[in-house]
């Protein structure tokens, strides 16, 4: 059965990353993902450096926001991105 166009959107469509986050106070649930999150953090930093000279400010801004989000999650997990370099 097809979904009606007037029905509300699925929760995943609204905020997919929020569904992955643990309940407040249970950050330990993200521990198995630490290496993947850190690898993505480093990749985003590299992409941001590449785009710093480009005129596409929207892409640069999206990467800056993602970098900030990843840094916050890594701080929750007590992985300090600045200390690893």
C-alpha atoms as a PDB file:
ATOM      1  CA  UNK A   1       0.000   0.000   0.000  1.00  0.00           C
ATOM      2  CA  UNK A   2       1.298   3.417  -0.960  1.00  0.00           C
ATOM      3  CA  UNK A   3       1.879   6.030   1.666  1.00  0.00           C
ATOM      4  CA  UNK A   4      -0.364   9.073   1.447  1.00  0.00           C
ATOM      5  CA  UNK A   5       1.290  12.360   0.527  1.00  0.00           C
ATOM      6  CA  UNK A   6      -0.520  13.951   3.465  1.00  0.00           C
ATOM      7  CA  UNK A   7       0.828  11.529   6.057  1.00  0.00           C
ATOM      8  CA  UNK A   8       3.665  12.769   8.286  1.00  0.00           C
ATOM      9  CA  UNK A   9       7.234  11.877   7.311  1.00  0.00           C
ATOM     10  CA  UNK A  10       9.048   8.943   8.855  1.00  0.00           C
ATOM     11  CA  UNK A  11      11.226   9.828  11.858  1.00  0.00           C
ATOM     12  CA  UNK A  12      14.293   8.538  10.004  1.00  0.00           C
ATOM     13  CA  UNK A  13      13.652  10.936   7.133  1.00  0.00           C
ATOM     14  CA  UNK A  14      13.582  13.878   9.490  1.00  0.00           C
ATOM     15  CA  UNK A  15      16.711  13.196  11.499  1.00  0.00           C
ATOM     16  CA  UNK A  16      18.585  10.004  10.601  1.00  0.00           C
ATOM     17  CA  UNK A  17      21.612  10.680  12.799  1.00  0.00           C
ATOM     18  CA  UNK A  18      19.485  11.419  15.846  1.00  0.00           C
ATOM     19  CA  UNK A  19      18.164   7.868  15.722  1.00  0.00           C
ATOM     20  CA  UNK A  20      21.726   6.568  16.034  1.00  0.00           C
ATOM     21  CA  UNK A  21      22.516   8.628  19.110  1.00  0.00           C
ATOM     22  CA  UNK A  22      22.133   6.960  22.472  1.00  0.00           C
ATOM     23  CA  UNK A  23      19.797   8.153  25.175  1.00  0.00           C
ATOM     24  CA  UNK A  24      21.301  11.089  27.083  1.00  0.00           C
ATOM     25  CA  UNK A  25      23.830   9.715  29.497  1.00  0.00           C
ATOM     26  CA  UNK A  26      24.498   6.524  27.514  1.00  0.00           C
ATOM     27  CA  UNK A  27      27.235   7.640  25.175  1.00  0.00           C
ATOM     28  CA  UNK A  28      28.978   4.330  25.677  1.00  0.00           C
ATOM     29  CA  UNK A  29      26.695   2.873  23.000  1.00  0.00           C
ATOM     30  CA  UNK A  30      28.749   4.735  20.403  1.00  0.00           C
ATOM     31  CA  UNK A  31      32.066   3.286  21.598  1.00  0.00           C
ATOM     32  CA  UNK A  32      32.177   0.563  18.921  1.00  0.00           C
ATOM     33  CA  UNK A  33      31.951   3.310  16.293  1.00  0.00           C
ATOM     34  CA  UNK A  34      34.842   5.408  17.648  1.00  0.00           C
ATOM     35  CA  UNK A  35      37.382   4.449  14.979  1.00  0.00           C
ATOM     36  CA  UNK A  36      34.874   5.037  12.176  1.00  0.00           C
ATOM     37  CA  UNK A  37      33.840   8.382  13.622  1.00  0.00           C
ATOM     38  CA  UNK A  38      37.456   9.441  13.991  1.00  0.00           C
ATOM     39  CA  UNK A  39      38.281   8.348  10.429  1.00  0.00           C
ATOM     40  CA  UNK A  40      35.332  10.358   9.124  1.00  0.00           C
ATOM     41  CA  UNK A  41      36.441  13.349  11.226  1.00  0.00           C
ATOM     42  CA  UNK A  42      39.895  13.258   9.608  1.00  0.00           C
ATOM     43  CA  UNK A  43      38.371  12.846   6.141  1.00  0.00           C
ATOM     44  CA  UNK A  44      36.059  15.821   6.670  1.00  0.00           C
ATOM     45  CA  UNK A  45      39.007  17.935   7.815  1.00  0.00           C
ATOM     46  CA  UNK A  46      40.884  17.003   4.632  1.00  0.00           C
ATOM     47  CA  UNK A  47      37.909  17.785   2.406  1.00  0.00           C
ATOM     48  CA  UNK A  48      37.418  21.093   4.187  1.00  0.00           C
ATOM     49  CA  UNK A  49      41.047  22.039   3.531  1.00  0.00           C
ATOM     50  CA  UNK A  50      40.628  21.148  -0.150  1.00  0.00           C
ATOM     51  CA  UNK A  51      37.489  23.287  -0.429  1.00  0.00           C
ATOM     52  CA  UNK A  52      38.888  26.277   1.453  1.00  0.00           C
ATOM     53  CA  UNK A  53      40.016  27.899  -1.826  1.00  0.00           C
ATOM     54  CA  UNK A  54      36.864  26.967  -3.761  1.00  0.00           C
ATOM     55  CA  UNK A  55      34.019  29.432  -4.278  1.00  0.00           C
ATOM     56  CA  UNK A  56      31.403  26.874  -3.144  1.00  0.00           C
ATOM     57  CA  UNK A  57      30.798  28.197   0.358  1.00  0.00           C
ATOM     58  CA  UNK A  58      27.724  25.990   0.897  1.00  0.00           C
ATOM     59  CA  UNK A  59      29.766  22.779   0.635  1.00  0.00           C
ATOM     60  CA  UNK A  60      32.444  24.237   2.903  1.00  0.00           C
ATOM     61  CA  UNK A  61      29.804  25.188   5.461  1.00  0.00           C
ATOM     62  CA  UNK A  62      28.243  21.692   5.392  1.00  0.00           C
ATOM     63  CA  UNK A  63      31.660  20.173   6.026  1.00  0.00           C
ATOM     64  CA  UNK A  64      32.315  22.613   8.865  1.00  0.00           C
ATOM     65  CA  UNK A  65      29.018  21.651  10.499  1.00  0.00           C
ATOM     66  CA  UNK A  66      29.759  17.934  10.102  1.00  0.00           C
ATOM     67  CA  UNK A  67      33.249  18.439  11.503  1.00  0.00           C
ATOM     68  CA  UNK A  68      31.796  20.223  14.525  1.00  0.00           C
ATOM     69  CA  UNK A  69      29.262  17.440  15.106  1.00  0.00           C
ATOM     70  CA  UNK A  70      31.906  14.729  14.848  1.00  0.00           C
ATOM     71  CA  UNK A  71      34.242  16.627  17.174  1.00  0.00           C
ATOM     72  CA  UNK A  72      31.469  16.877  19.763  1.00  0.00           C
ATOM     73  CA  UNK A  73      30.751  13.142  19.578  1.00  0.00           C
ATOM     74  CA  UNK A  74      34.461  12.311  19.839  1.00  0.00           C
ATOM     75  CA  UNK A  75      34.695  14.598  22.870  1.00  0.00           C
ATOM     76  CA  UNK A  76      31.826  12.650  24.426  1.00  0.00           C
ATOM     77  CA  UNK A  77      33.797   9.484  23.853  1.00  0.00           C
ATOM     78  CA  UNK A  78      36.938  11.117  25.347  1.00  0.00           C
ATOM     79  CA  UNK A  79      38.839  10.989  22.061  1.00  0.00           C
ATOM     80  CA  UNK A  80      40.525  14.333  21.547  1.00  0.00           C
ATOM     81  CA  UNK A  81      40.994  15.001  17.809  1.00  0.00           C
ATOM     82  CA  UNK A  82      43.558  17.769  18.441  1.00  0.00           C
ATOM     83  CA  UNK A  83      45.776  15.480  20.512  1.00  0.00           C
ATOM     84  CA  UNK A  84      45.998  12.811  17.831  1.00  0.00           C
ATOM     85  CA  UNK A  85      47.802  14.929  15.261  1.00  0.00           C
END
